Amino acid sequence: MAWEIESIKQLKARYFRFMDLRDWDNLAQTMSQDIVFEHPTIGLHRSRASVLAALKFRLEKLKFTSHHGTMPEIQIHSRTEASGIWSLLSSVIQNGEPGKDSNTLIIGHGRYFDQYRSENGQWRISSLRLEHLYKSN
């Protein structure tokens, strides 16, 4: 069971890294095809293709993002099903207005509520729901 928990921690770390790097191909590999994705500002999406399109649309407009998931509470329910809760700290820099040299920093705190599925021996995120606890601006 410890190996499965570590694999899920690594999966979530890759999810954050690939999202912040805008590495869409590798980010896609962290998700199941039928992922259910619920985000307060991005909305509800019910497929990997829809999630990726929504993330691209949102993140390509931003100058910088940094997401940190900490304090995971992971439960293994079976050989192929698990769940987890993560604390989130995010920093986002929005581009300033055209012709101006100012940017806006947004700090967010929240919780991720995830479901994971092992597919062909590889853990993937099958459901992800983010609740913001605090968001500046």
Foldseek 3Di string as FASTA:
>chain_A
DVVVVVLVVVLVVQCQVCLQVVVLVSNLVQADQQAWEAEPVQGTDGGSVSVSVSSCVVPVQFPGKHKDWDDKDKDDDDPFKIKIKTKIWMWTWGDDDPPDRDIDIKIWIWMKIWMWTQDPNHIHTRYIHIDTPDMDD
